[in-house]
PDB file of all heavy atoms in Angstrom:
ATOM      1  N   VAL A   1     -20.540  59.294  19.783  1.00  0.00           N
ATOM      2  CA  VAL A   1     -21.015  57.921  19.660  1.00  0.00           C
ATOM      3  C   VAL A   1     -19.869  56.924  19.585  1.00  0.00           C
ATOM      4  O   VAL A   1     -18.755  57.254  19.173  1.00  0.00           O
ATOM      5  CB  VAL A   1     -21.896  57.762  18.387  1.00  0.00           C
ATOM      6  CG1 VAL A   1     -23.187  58.540  18.529  1.00  0.00           C
ATOM      7  CG2 VAL A   1     -21.144  58.204  17.123  1.00  0.00           C
ATOM      8  N   GLU A   2     -20.183  55.709  20.005  1.00  0.00           N
ATOM      9  CA  GLU A   2     -19.286  54.576  19.790  1.00  0.00           C
ATOM     10  C   GLU A   2     -19.759  53.856  18.533  1.00  0.00           C
ATOM     11  O   GLU A   2     -20.938  53.519  18.410  1.00  0.00           O
ATOM     12  CB  GLU A   2     -19.313  53.628  20.980  1.00  0.00           C
ATOM     13  CG  GLU A   2     -18.324  52.467  20.866  1.00  0.00           C
ATOM     14  CD  GLU A   2     -18.369  51.565  22.077  1.00  0.00           C
ATOM     15  OE1 GLU A   2     -19.347  50.796  22.186  1.00  0.00           O
ATOM     16  OE2 GLU A   2     -17.443  51.647  22.899  1.00  0.00           O
ATOM     17  N   VAL A   3     -18.827  53.629  17.606  1.00  0.00           N
ATOM     18  CA  VAL A   3     -19.177  53.120  16.280  1.00  0.00           C
ATOM     19  C   VAL A   3     -18.315  51.895  15.957  1.00  0.00           C
ATOM     20  O   VAL A   3     -17.117  51.880  16.234  1.00  0.00           O
ATOM     21  CB  VAL A   3     -18.943  54.209  15.209  1.00  0.00           C
ATOM     22  CG1 VAL A   3     -19.154  53.664  13.804  1.00  0.00           C
ATOM     23  CG2 VAL A   3     -19.859  55.396  15.450  1.00  0.00           C
ATOM     24  N   ARG A   4     -18.957  50.885  15.353  1.00  0.00           N
ATOM     25  CA  ARG A   4     -18.214  49.706  14.887  1.00  0.00           C
ATOM     26  C   ARG A   4     -18.055  49.806  13.364  1.00  0.00           C
ATOM     27  O   ARG A   4     -19.033  49.985  12.641  1.00  0.00           O
ATOM     28  CB  ARG A   4     -18.965  48.423  15.245  1.00  0.00           C
ATOM     29  CG  ARG A   4     -18.159  47.148  14.942  1.00  0.00           C
ATOM     30  CD  ARG A   4     -18.906  45.911  15.407  1.00  0.00           C
ATOM     31  NE  ARG A   4     -19.162  45.929  16.835  1.00  0.00           N
ATOM     32  CZ  ARG A   4     -18.292  45.565  17.772  1.00  0.00           C
ATOM     33  NH1 ARG A   4     -17.077  45.152  17.411  1.00  0.00           N
ATOM     34  NH2 ARG A   4     -18.614  45.611  19.042  1.00  0.00           N
ATOM     35  N   ILE A   5     -16.838  49.721  12.891  1.00  0.00           N
ATOM     36  CA  ILE A   5     -16.563  49.817  11.459  1.00  0.00           C
ATOM     37  C   ILE A   5     -17.130  48.584  10.747  1.00  0.00           C
ATOM     38  O   ILE A   5     -16.823  47.444  11.120  1.00  0.00           O
ATOM     39  CB  ILE A   5     -15.053  49.930  11.182  1.00  0.00           C
ATOM     40  CG1 ILE A   5     -14.471  51.166  11.870  1.00  0.00           C
ATOM     41  CG2 ILE A   5     -14.792  49.983   9.669  1.00  0.00           C
ATOM     42  CD1 ILE A   5     -15.058  52.485  11.419  1.00  0.00           C
ATOM     43  N   VAL A   6     -17.964  48.811   9.719  1.00  0.00           N
ATOM     44  CA  VAL A   6     -18.555  47.684   8.980  1.00  0.00           C
ATOM     45  C   VAL A   6     -18.039  47.613   7.544  1.00  0.00           C
ATOM     46  O   VAL A   6     -18.105  46.567   6.904  1.00  0.00           O
ATOM     47  CB  VAL A   6     -20.093  47.763   8.978  1.00  0.00           C
ATOM     48  CG1 VAL A   6     -20.628  47.587  10.391  1.00  0.00           C
ATOM     49  CG2 VAL A   6     -20.594  49.059   8.368  1.00  0.00           C
ATOM     50  N   LYS A   7     -17.520  48.748   7.038  1.00  0.00           N
ATOM     51  CA  LYS A   7     -16.983  48.754   5.675  1.00  0.00           C
ATOM     52  C   LYS A   7     -15.950  49.852   5.566  1.00  0.00           C
ATOM     53  O   LYS A   7     -16.188  50.989   5.992  1.00  0.00           O
ATOM     54  CB  LYS A   7     -18.109  48.973   4.660  1.00  0.00           C
ATOM     55  CG  LYS A   7     -17.684  48.780   3.212  1.00  0.00           C
ATOM     56  CD  LYS A   7     -18.892  48.889   2.275  1.00  0.00           C
ATOM     57  CE  LYS A   7     -18.510  48.636   0.831  1.00  0.00           C
ATOM     58  NZ  LYS A   7     -19.686  48.743  -0.080  1.00  0.00           N
ATOM     59  N   TYR A   8     -14.804  49.517   4.995  1.00  0.00           N
ATOM     60  CA  TYR A   8     -13.700  50.468   4.910  1.00  0.00           C
ATOM     61  C   TYR A   8     -13.293  50.693   3.457  1.00  0.00           C
ATOM     62  O   TYR A   8     -13.065  49.753   2.711  1.00  0.00           O
ATOM     63  CB  TYR A   8     -12.500  49.940   5.703  1.00  0.00           C
ATOM     64  CG  TYR A   8     -11.288  50.825   5.615  1.00  0.00           C
ATOM     65  CD1 TYR A   8     -11.234  52.025   6.304  1.00  0.00           C
ATOM     66  CD2 TYR A   8     -10.194  50.467   4.818  1.00  0.00           C
ATOM     67  CE1 TYR A   8     -10.114  52.836   6.227  1.00  0.00           C
ATOM     68  CE2 TYR A   8      -9.078  51.281   4.726  1.00  0.00           C
ATOM     69  CZ  TYR A   8      -9.043  52.464   5.433  1.00  0.00           C
ATOM     70  OH  TYR A   8      -7.957  53.282   5.342  1.00  0.00           O
ATOM     71  N   MET A   9     -13.269  51.959   3.041  1.00  0.00           N
ATOM     72  CA  MET A   9     -12.842  52.335   1.697  1.00  0.00           C
ATOM     73  C   MET A   9     -11.561  53.164   1.817  1.00  0.00           C
ATOM     74  O   MET A   9     -11.096  53.467   2.918  1.00  0.00           O
ATOM     75  CB  MET A   9     -13.934  53.141   0.993  1.00  0.00           C
ATOM     76  CG  MET A   9     -15.337  52.562   1.133  1.00  0.00           C
ATOM     77  SD  MET A   9     -15.570  50.990   0.315  1.00  0.00           S
ATOM     78  CE  MET A   9     -15.729  51.535  -1.380  1.00  0.00           C
ATOM     79  N   LYS A  10     -10.993  53.571   0.681  1.00  0.00           N
ATOM     80  CA  LYS A  10      -9.736  54.330   0.722  1.00  0.00           C
ATOM     81  C   LYS A  10      -9.886  55.704   1.355  1.00  0.00           C
ATOM     82  O   LYS A  10      -8.993  56.177   2.060  1.00  0.00           O
ATOM     83  CB  LYS A  10      -9.183  54.486  -0.702  1.00  0.00           C
ATOM     84  CG  LYS A  10      -8.584  53.208  -1.272  1.00  0.00           C
ATOM     85  CD  LYS A  10      -7.939  53.485  -2.624  1.00  0.00           C
ATOM     86  CE  LYS A  10      -7.288  52.225  -3.181  1.00  0.00           C
ATOM     87  NZ  LYS A  10      -6.650  52.464  -4.501  1.00  0.00           N
ATOM     88  N   THR A  11     -11.029  56.355   1.095  1.00  0.00           N
ATOM     89  CA  THR A  11     -11.178  57.744   1.544  1.00  0.00           C
ATOM     90  C   THR A  11     -12.272  57.937   2.586  1.00  0.00           C
ATOM     91  O   THR A  11     -12.474  59.039   3.074  1.00  0.00           O
ATOM     92  CB  THR A  11     -11.471  58.658   0.346  1.00  0.00           C
ATOM     93  OG1 THR A  11     -12.631  58.172  -0.351  1.00  0.00           O
ATOM     94  CG2 THR A  11     -10.288  58.688  -0.613  1.00  0.00           C
ATOM     95  N   TYR A  12     -13.013  56.874   2.944  1.00  0.00           N
ATOM     96  CA  TYR A  12     -14.059  56.978   3.955  1.00  0.00           C
ATOM     97  C   TYR A  12     -14.442  55.587   4.425  1.00  0.00           C
ATOM     98  O   TYR A  12     -14.012  54.574   3.847  1.00  0.00           O
ATOM     99  CB  TYR A  12     -15.288  57.706   3.397  1.00  0.00           C
ATOM    100  CG  TYR A  12     -15.922  57.029   2.199  1.00  0.00           C
ATOM    101  CD1 TYR A  12     -16.948  56.102   2.344  1.00  0.00           C
ATOM    102  CD2 TYR A  12     -15.472  57.311   0.901  1.00  0.00           C
ATOM    103  CE1 TYR A  12     -17.515  55.481   1.244  1.00  0.00           C
ATOM    104  CE2 TYR A  12     -16.039  56.687  -0.204  1.00  0.00           C
ATOM    105  CZ  TYR A  12     -17.051  55.771  -0.027  1.00  0.00           C
ATOM    106  OH  TYR A  12     -17.605  55.146  -1.112  1.00  0.00           O
ATOM    107  N   ALA A  13     -15.242  55.550   5.477  1.00  0.00           N
ATOM    108  CA  ALA A  13     -15.689  54.269   6.022  1.00  0.00           C
ATOM    109  C   ALA A  13     -17.141  54.379   6.455  1.00  0.00           C
ATOM    110  O   ALA A  13     -17.672  55.480   6.648  1.00  0.00           O
ATOM    111  CB  ALA A  13     -14.813  53.855   7.200  1.00  0.00           C
ATOM    112  N   TYR A  14     -17.791  53.213   6.596  1.00  0.00           N
ATOM    113  CA  TYR A  14     -19.138  53.137   7.139  1.00  0.00           C
ATOM    114  C   TYR A  14     -19.083  52.467   8.507  1.00  0.00           C
ATOM    115  O   TYR A  14     -18.372  51.469   8.687  1.00  0.00           O
ATOM    116  CB  TYR A  14     -20.060  52.327   6.227  1.00  0.00           C
ATOM    117  CG  TYR A  14     -20.361  53.000   4.911  1.00  0.00           C
ATOM    118  CD1 TYR A  14     -19.695  52.611   3.746  1.00  0.00           C
ATOM    119  CD2 TYR A  14     -21.307  54.023   4.822  1.00  0.00           C
ATOM    120  CE1 TYR A  14     -19.970  53.227   2.530  1.00  0.00           C
ATOM    121  CE2 TYR A  14     -21.589  54.637   3.606  1.00  0.00           C
ATOM    122  CZ  TYR A  14     -20.914  54.232   2.474  1.00  0.00           C
ATOM    123  OH  TYR A  14     -21.178  54.846   1.278  1.00  0.00           O
ATOM    124  N   GLY A  15     -19.850  53.007   9.433  1.00  0.00           N
ATOM    125  CA  GLY A  15     -19.874  52.425  10.764  1.00  0.00           C
ATOM    126  C   GLY A  15     -21.295  52.167  11.232  1.00  0.00           C
ATOM    127  O   GLY A  15     -22.238  52.812  10.765  1.00  0.00           O
ATOM    128  N   ARG A  16     -21.455  51.222  12.148  1.00  0.00           N
ATOM    129  CA  ARG A  16     -22.755  50.940  12.755  1.00  0.00           C
ATOM    130  C   ARG A  16     -22.782  51.552  14.154  1.00  0.00           C
ATOM    131  O   ARG A  16     -21.854  51.377  14.946  1.00  0.00           O
ATOM    132  CB  ARG A  16     -22.982  49.435  12.840  1.00  0.00           C
ATOM    133  CG  ARG A  16     -24.359  49.080  13.423  1.00  0.00           C
ATOM    134  CD  ARG A  16     -24.617  47.586  13.411  1.00  0.00           C
ATOM    135  NE  ARG A  16     -23.739  46.865  14.309  1.00  0.00           N
ATOM    136  CZ  ARG A  16     -22.854  45.960  13.912  1.00  0.00           C
ATOM    137  NH1 ARG A  16     -22.718  45.689  12.615  1.00  0.00           N
ATOM    138  NH2 ARG A  16     -22.082  45.339  14.780  1.00  0.00           N
ATOM    139  N   LEU A  17     -23.838  52.262  14.435  1.00  0.00           N
ATOM    140  CA  LEU A  17     -23.986  52.889  15.744  1.00  0.00           C
ATOM    141  C   LEU A  17     -24.141  51.815  16.817  1.00  0.00           C
ATOM    142  O   LEU A  17     -25.082  51.027  16.786  1.00  0.00           O
ATOM    143  CB  LEU A  17     -25.204  53.812  15.734  1.00  0.00           C
ATOM    144  CG  LEU A  17     -25.548  54.498  17.061  1.00  0.00           C
ATOM    145  CD1 LEU A  17     -24.415  55.428  17.487  1.00  0.00           C
ATOM    146  CD2 LEU A  17     -26.860  55.262  16.942  1.00  0.00           C
ATOM    147  N   GLU A  18     -23.206  51.787  17.766  1.00  0.00           N
ATOM    148  CA  GLU A  18     -23.273  50.839  18.870  1.00  0.00           C
ATOM    149  C   GLU A  18     -23.862  51.474  20.123  1.00  0.00           C
ATOM    150  O   GLU A  18     -24.673  50.853  20.817  1.00  0.00           O
ATOM    151  CB  GLU A  18     -21.866  50.299  19.188  1.00  0.00           C
ATOM    152  CG  GLU A  18     -21.262  49.458  18.077  1.00  0.00           C
ATOM    153  CD  GLU A  18     -21.956  48.113  17.937  1.00  0.00           C
ATOM    154  OE1 GLU A  18     -22.390  47.549  18.969  1.00  0.00           O
ATOM    155  OE2 GLU A  18     -22.085  47.624  16.793  1.00  0.00           O
ATOM    156  N   LYS A  19     -23.452  52.714  20.399  1.00  0.00           N
ATOM    157  CA  LYS A  19     -23.908  53.359  21.633  1.00  0.00           C
ATOM    158  C   LYS A  19     -23.795  54.871  21.490  1.00  0.00           C
ATOM    159  O   LYS A  19     -22.825  55.386  20.927  1.00  0.00           O
ATOM    160  CB  LYS A  19     -23.033  52.890  22.802  1.00  0.00           C
ATOM    161  CG  LYS A  19     -23.504  53.348  24.173  1.00  0.00           C
ATOM    162  CD  LYS A  19     -22.507  52.951  25.236  1.00  0.00           C
ATOM    163  CE  LYS A  19     -22.320  51.446  25.305  1.00  0.00           C
ATOM    164  NZ  LYS A  19     -21.390  51.059  26.408  1.00  0.00           N
ATOM    165  N   VAL A  20     -24.810  55.581  21.977  1.00  0.00           N
ATOM    166  CA  VAL A  20     -24.743  57.040  22.061  1.00  0.00           C
ATOM    167  C   VAL A  20     -24.136  57.387  23.409  1.00  0.00           C
ATOM    168  O   VAL A  20     -24.760  57.172  24.460  1.00  0.00           O
ATOM    169  CB  VAL A  20     -26.132  57.679  21.897  1.00  0.00           C
ATOM    170  CG1 VAL A  20     -26.032  59.205  22.042  1.00  0.00           C
ATOM    171  CG2 VAL A  20     -26.748  57.321  20.552  1.00  0.00           C
ATOM    172  N   LEU A  21     -22.918  57.902  23.415  1.00  0.00           N
ATOM    173  CA  LEU A  21     -22.219  58.220  24.661  1.00  0.00           C
ATOM    174  C   LEU A  21     -22.688  59.554  25.229  1.00  0.00           C
ATOM    175  O   LEU A  21     -22.924  59.668  26.439  1.00  0.00           O
ATOM    176  CB  LEU A  21     -20.709  58.242  24.415  1.00  0.00           C
ATOM    177  CG  LEU A  21     -20.110  56.943  23.850  1.00  0.00           C
ATOM    178  CD1 LEU A  21     -18.626  57.129  23.555  1.00  0.00           C
ATOM    179  CD2 LEU A  21     -20.325  55.783  24.829  1.00  0.00           C
ATOM    180  N   GLU A  22     -22.813  60.549  24.366  1.00  0.00           N
ATOM    181  CA  GLU A  22     -23.346  61.856  24.763  1.00  0.00           C
ATOM    182  C   GLU A  22     -24.334  62.295  23.698  1.00  0.00           C
ATOM    183  O   GLU A  22     -23.942  62.571  22.563  1.00  0.00           O
ATOM    184  CB  GLU A  22     -22.226  62.887  24.895  1.00  0.00           C
ATOM    185  CG  GLU A  22     -21.261  62.618  26.026  1.00  0.00           C
ATOM    186  CD  GLU A  22     -20.203  63.721  26.132  1.00  0.00           C
ATOM    187  OE1 GLU A  22     -20.491  64.863  25.718  1.00  0.00           O
ATOM    188  OE2 GLU A  22     -19.095  63.421  26.612  1.00  0.00           O
ATOM    189  N   PRO A  23     -25.628  62.348  24.019  1.00  0.00           N
ATOM    190  CA  PRO A  23     -26.622  62.693  22.997  1.00  0.00           C
ATOM    191  C   PRO A  23     -26.542  64.146  22.577  1.00  0.00           C
ATOM    192  O   PRO A  23     -26.217  65.029  23.379  1.00  0.00           O
ATOM    193  CB  PRO A  23     -27.957  62.378  23.676  1.00  0.00           C
ATOM    194  CG  PRO A  23     -27.677  62.466  25.137  1.00  0.00           C
ATOM    195  CD  PRO A  23     -26.254  62.028  25.314  1.00  0.00           C
ATOM    196  N   SER A  24     -26.852  64.374  21.337  1.00  0.00           N
ATOM    197  CA  SER A  24     -26.914  65.728  20.787  1.00  0.00           C
ATOM    198  C   SER A  24     -28.073  66.493  21.416  1.00  0.00           C
ATOM    199  O   SER A  24     -29.106  65.907  21.770  1.00  0.00           O
ATOM    200  CB  SER A  24     -27.115  65.645  19.265  1.00  0.00           C
ATOM    201  OG  SER A  24     -27.540  66.878  18.745  1.00  0.00           O
ATOM    202  N   PRO A  25     -27.958  67.824  21.549  1.00  0.00           N
ATOM    203  CA  PRO A  25     -29.108  68.622  22.010  1.00  0.00           C
ATOM    204  C   PRO A  25     -30.265  68.593  21.020  1.00  0.00           C
ATOM    205  O   PRO A  25     -31.374  68.983  21.362  1.00  0.00           O
ATOM    206  CB  PRO A  25     -28.522  70.036  22.140  1.00  0.00           C
ATOM    207  CG  PRO A  25     -27.292  70.041  21.289  1.00  0.00           C
ATOM    208  CD  PRO A  25     -26.756  68.655  21.347  1.00  0.00           C
ATOM    209  N   PHE A  26     -30.009  68.104  19.798  1.00  0.00           N
ATOM    210  CA  PHE A  26     -31.054  68.031  18.780  1.00  0.00           C
ATOM    211  C   PHE A  26     -31.698  66.641  18.715  1.00  0.00           C
ATOM    212  O   PHE A  26     -32.588  66.413  17.911  1.00  0.00           O
ATOM    213  CB  PHE A  26     -30.478  68.379  17.403  1.00  0.00           C
ATOM    214  CG  PHE A  26     -29.668  69.641  17.400  1.00  0.00           C
ATOM    215  CD1 PHE A  26     -28.320  69.614  17.085  1.00  0.00           C
ATOM    216  CD2 PHE A  26     -30.251  70.850  17.733  1.00  0.00           C
ATOM    217  CE1 PHE A  26     -27.570  70.771  17.091  1.00  0.00           C
ATOM    218  CE2 PHE A  26     -29.501  72.017  17.738  1.00  0.00           C
ATOM    219  CZ  PHE A  26     -28.164  71.981  17.419  1.00  0.00           C
ATOM    220  N   ARG A  27     -31.246  65.723  19.563  1.00  0.00           N
ATOM    221  CA  ARG A  27     -31.809  64.368  19.574  1.00  0.00           C
ATOM    222  C   ARG A  27     -33.116  64.357  20.359  1.00  0.00           C
ATOM    223  O   ARG A  27     -33.207  64.939  21.441  1.00  0.00           O
ATOM    224  CB  ARG A  27     -30.802  63.383  20.170  1.00  0.00           C
ATOM    225  CG  ARG A  27     -31.313  61.951  20.261  1.00  0.00           C
ATOM    226  CD  ARG A  27     -30.212  60.992  20.703  1.00  0.00           C
ATOM    227  NE  ARG A  27     -29.293  60.682  19.605  1.00  0.00           N
ATOM    228  CZ  ARG A  27     -29.517  59.771  18.681  1.00  0.00           C
ATOM    229  NH1 ARG A  27     -30.648  59.073  18.682  1.00  0.00           N
ATOM    230  NH2 ARG A  27     -28.622  59.546  17.747  1.00  0.00           N
ATOM    231  N   VAL A  28     -34.133  63.686  19.799  1.00  0.00           N
ATOM    232  CA  VAL A  28     -35.429  63.548  20.460  1.00  0.00           C
ATOM    233  C   VAL A  28     -35.786  62.068  20.531  1.00  0.00           C
ATOM    234  O   VAL A  28     -35.212  61.242  19.824  1.00  0.00           O
ATOM    235  CB  VAL A  28     -36.543  64.327  19.713  1.00  0.00           C
ATOM    236  CG1 VAL A  28     -36.257  65.820  19.709  1.00  0.00           C
ATOM    237  CG2 VAL A  28     -36.708  63.809  18.285  1.00  0.00           C
ATOM    238  N   GLU A  29     -36.759  61.741  21.381  1.00  0.00           N
ATOM    239  CA  GLU A  29     -37.207  60.358  21.510  1.00  0.00           C
ATOM    240  C   GLU A  29     -38.204  60.041  20.410  1.00  0.00           C
ATOM    241  O   GLU A  29     -39.281  60.639  20.335  1.00  0.00           O
ATOM    242  CB  GLU A  29     -37.870  60.135  22.870  1.00  0.00           C
ATOM    243  CG  GLU A  29     -38.231  58.689  23.153  1.00  0.00           C
ATOM    244  CD  GLU A  29     -37.010  57.779  23.216  1.00  0.00           C
ATOM    245  OE1 GLU A  29     -35.925  58.236  23.641  1.00  0.00           O
ATOM    246  OE2 GLU A  29     -37.155  56.588  22.830  1.00  0.00           O
ATOM    247  N   PRO A  30     -37.890  59.114  19.499  1.00  0.00           N
ATOM    248  CA  PRO A  30     -38.809  58.788  18.406  1.00  0.00           C
ATOM    249  C   PRO A  30     -40.100  58.151  18.918  1.00  0.00           C
ATOM    250  O   PRO A  30     -40.092  57.434  19.919  1.00  0.00           O
ATOM    251  CB  PRO A  30     -38.013  57.796  17.555  1.00  0.00           C
ATOM    252  CG  PRO A  30     -36.591  57.983  17.963  1.00  0.00           C
ATOM    253  CD  PRO A  30     -36.628  58.372  19.402  1.00  0.00           C
ATOM    254  N   LYS A  31     -41.201  58.406  18.208  1.00  0.00           N
ATOM    255  CA  LYS A  31     -42.470  57.787  18.549  1.00  0.00           C
ATOM    256  C   LYS A  31     -42.471  56.294  18.211  1.00  0.00           C
ATOM    257  O   LYS A  31     -43.111  55.499  18.891  1.00  0.00           O
ATOM    258  CB  LYS A  31     -43.614  58.482  17.807  1.00  0.00           C
ATOM    259  CG  LYS A  31     -43.997  59.852  18.357  1.00  0.00           C
ATOM    260  CD  LYS A  31     -45.162  60.428  17.563  1.00  0.00           C
ATOM    261  CE  LYS A  31     -45.623  61.769  18.107  1.00  0.00           C
ATOM    262  NZ  LYS A  31     -46.372  61.612  19.382  1.00  0.00           N
ATOM    263  N   CYS A  32     -41.773  55.938  17.128  1.00  0.00           N
ATOM    264  CA  CYS A  32     -41.813  54.565  16.629  1.00  0.00           C
ATOM    265  C   CYS A  32     -40.649  53.748  17.191  1.00  0.00           C
ATOM    266  O   CYS A  32     -39.489  54.166  17.122  1.00  0.00           O
ATOM    267  CB  CYS A  32     -41.752  54.549  15.100  1.00  0.00           C
ATOM    268  SG  CYS A  32     -41.771  52.876  14.400  1.00  0.00           S
ATOM    269  N   ALA A  33     -40.971  52.574  17.735  1.00  0.00           N
ATOM    270  CA  ALA A  33     -39.935  51.704  18.297  1.00  0.00           C
ATOM    271  C   ALA A  33     -39.071  51.061  17.215  1.00  0.00           C
ATOM    272  O   ALA A  33     -37.994  50.540  17.500  1.00  0.00           O
ATOM    273  CB  ALA A  33     -40.598  50.610  19.140  1.00  0.00           C
ATOM    274  N   PHE A  34     -39.532  51.107  15.964  1.00  0.00           N
ATOM    275  CA  PHE A  34     -38.816  50.435  14.872  1.00  0.00           C
ATOM    276  C   PHE A  34     -38.076  51.432  13.969  1.00  0.00           C
ATOM    277  O   PHE A  34     -37.699  51.074  12.858  1.00  0.00           O
ATOM    278  CB  PHE A  34     -39.797  49.622  14.024  1.00  0.00           C
ATOM    279  CG  PHE A  34     -40.537  48.569  14.796  1.00  0.00           C
ATOM    280  CD1 PHE A  34     -41.832  48.798  15.239  1.00  0.00           C
ATOM    281  CD2 PHE A  34     -39.942  47.354  15.095  1.00  0.00           C
ATOM    282  CE1 PHE A  34     -42.527  47.839  15.944  1.00  0.00           C
ATOM    283  CE2 PHE A  34     -40.625  46.382  15.804  1.00  0.00           C
ATOM    284  CZ  PHE A  34     -41.924  46.623  16.241  1.00  0.00           C
ATOM    285  N   HIS A  35     -37.895  52.655  14.419  1.00  0.00           N
ATOM    286  CA  HIS A  35     -37.374  53.679  13.511  1.00  0.00           C
ATOM    287  C   HIS A  35     -35.979  53.360  12.992  1.00  0.00           C
ATOM    288  O   HIS A  35     -35.618  53.748  11.883  1.00  0.00           O
ATOM    289  CB  HIS A  35     -37.378  55.049  14.189  1.00  0.00           C
ATOM    290  CG  HIS A  35     -36.264  55.253  15.177  1.00  0.00           C
ATOM    291  ND1 HIS A  35     -36.282  54.709  16.449  1.00  0.00           N
ATOM    292  CD2 HIS A  35     -35.093  55.917  15.065  1.00  0.00           C
ATOM    293  CE1 HIS A  35     -35.174  55.043  17.084  1.00  0.00           C
ATOM    294  NE2 HIS A  35     -34.440  55.767  16.275  1.00  0.00           N
ATOM    295  N   ARG A  36     -35.157  52.640  13.771  1.00  0.00           N
ATOM    296  CA  ARG A  36     -33.806  52.316  13.316  1.00  0.00           C
ATOM    297  C   ARG A  36     -33.806  51.180  12.301  1.00  0.00           C
ATOM    298  O   ARG A  36     -33.057  51.206  11.334  1.00  0.00           O
ATOM    299  CB  ARG A  36     -32.912  51.949  14.502  1.00  0.00           C
ATOM    300  CG  ARG A  36     -32.489  53.140  15.340  1.00  0.00           C
ATOM    301  CD  ARG A  36     -31.440  52.751  16.371  1.00  0.00           C
ATOM    302  NE  ARG A  36     -30.211  52.268  15.749  1.00  0.00           N
ATOM    303  CZ  ARG A  36     -29.122  51.929  16.443  1.00  0.00           C
ATOM    304  NH1 ARG A  36     -29.121  52.001  17.765  1.00  0.00           N
ATOM    305  NH2 ARG A  36     -28.036  51.491  15.821  1.00  0.00           N
ATOM    306  N   GLN A  37     -34.673  50.184  12.488  1.00  0.00           N
ATOM    307  CA  GLN A  37     -34.712  49.047  11.562  1.00  0.00           C
ATOM    308  C   GLN A  37     -35.420  49.390  10.257  1.00  0.00           C
ATOM    309  O   GLN A  37     -35.020  48.941   9.183  1.00  0.00           O
ATOM    310  CB  GLN A  37     -35.423  47.859  12.206  1.00  0.00           C
ATOM    311  CG  GLN A  37     -34.772  47.357  13.476  1.00  0.00           C
ATOM    312  CD  GLN A  37     -35.523  47.842  14.709  1.00  0.00           C
ATOM    313  OE1 GLN A  37     -35.706  49.041  14.893  1.00  0.00           O
ATOM    314  NE2 GLN A  37     -35.940  46.903  15.542  1.00  0.00           N
ATOM    315  N   CYS A  38     -36.488  50.154  10.352  1.00  0.00           N
ATOM    316  CA  CYS A  38     -37.320  50.451   9.183  1.00  0.00           C
ATOM    317  C   CYS A  38     -36.572  51.372   8.225  1.00  0.00           C
ATOM    318  O   CYS A  38     -35.842  52.262   8.642  1.00  0.00           O
ATOM    319  CB  CYS A  38     -38.629  51.095   9.633  1.00  0.00           C
ATOM    320  SG  CYS A  38     -39.709  51.590   8.282  1.00  0.00           S
ATOM    321  N   GLY A  39     -36.778  51.158   6.939  1.00  0.00           N
ATOM    322  CA  GLY A  39     -36.109  51.997   5.949  1.00  0.00           C
ATOM    323  C   GLY A  39     -36.821  53.301   5.671  1.00  0.00           C
ATOM    324  O   GLY A  39     -36.396  54.071   4.815  1.00  0.00           O
ATOM    325  N   GLY A  40     -37.923  53.593   6.391  1.00  0.00           N
ATOM    326  CA  GLY A  40     -38.741  54.754   6.062  1.00  0.00           C
ATOM    327  C   GLY A  40     -38.333  56.044   6.741  1.00  0.00           C
ATOM    328  O   GLY A  40     -38.093  57.054   6.082  1.00  0.00           O
ATOM    329  N   CYS A  41     -38.248  56.046   8.062  1.00  0.00           N
ATOM    330  CA  CYS A  41     -38.029  57.289   8.826  1.00  0.00           C
ATOM    331  C   CYS A  41     -36.572  57.434   9.240  1.00  0.00           C
ATOM    332  O   CYS A  41     -36.194  57.074  10.359  1.00  0.00           O
ATOM    333  CB  CYS A  41     -38.928  57.313  10.065  1.00  0.00           C
ATOM    334  SG  CYS A  41     -40.665  57.506   9.693  1.00  0.00           S
ATOM    335  N   GLN A  42     -35.755  57.979   8.372  1.00  0.00           N
ATOM    336  CA  GLN A  42     -34.329  58.090   8.660  1.00  0.00           C
ATOM    337  C   GLN A  42     -34.015  59.180   9.688  1.00  0.00           C
ATOM    338  O   GLN A  42     -32.953  59.168  10.312  1.00  0.00           O
ATOM    339  CB  GLN A  42     -33.549  58.389   7.372  1.00  0.00           C
ATOM    340  CG  GLN A  42     -33.774  57.391   6.254  1.00  0.00           C
ATOM    341  CD  GLN A  42     -34.879  57.802   5.298  1.00  0.00           C
ATOM    342  OE1 GLN A  42     -35.754  58.593   5.646  1.00  0.00           O
ATOM    343  NE2 GLN A  42     -34.855  57.253   4.093  1.00  0.00           N
ATOM    344  N   LEU A  43     -34.927  60.145   9.879  1.00  0.00           N
ATOM    345  CA  LEU A  43     -34.623  61.325  10.702  1.00  0.00           C
ATOM    346  C   LEU A  43     -35.503  61.444  11.939  1.00  0.00           C
ATOM    347  O   LEU A  43     -35.545  62.497  12.559  1.00  0.00           O
ATOM    348  CB  LEU A  43     -34.777  62.595   9.859  1.00  0.00           C
ATOM    349  CG  LEU A  43     -33.905  62.720   8.606  1.00  0.00           C
ATOM    350  CD1 LEU A  43     -34.212  64.015   7.879  1.00  0.00           C
ATOM    351  CD2 LEU A  43     -32.425  62.661   8.963  1.00  0.00           C
ATOM    352  N   GLN A  44     -36.191  60.384  12.336  1.00  0.00           N
ATOM    353  CA  GLN A  44     -37.171  60.533  13.407  1.00  0.00           C
ATOM    354  C   GLN A  44     -36.540  60.888  14.757  1.00  0.00           C
ATOM    355  O   GLN A  44     -37.208  61.447  15.624  1.00  0.00           O
ATOM    356  CB  GLN A  44     -38.021  59.266  13.538  1.00  0.00           C
ATOM    357  CG  GLN A  44     -39.347  59.525  14.227  1.00  0.00           C
ATOM    358  CD  GLN A  44     -40.250  58.314  14.269  1.00  0.00           C
ATOM    359  OE1 GLN A  44     -40.724  57.944  15.339  1.00  0.00           O
ATOM    360  NE2 GLN A  44     -40.498  57.683  13.133  1.00  0.00           N
TER     361      GLN A  44
END
């Protein structure tokens, strides 16, 4: 993935997903169009 750094700490950082360059073989198409925005389904 291509990731934009949004928060940087001494031992780790947080990034925002910008683009999936090569999808995982475990990635599936979610049923819900809002799965990324919604706080409910983190693993859809």
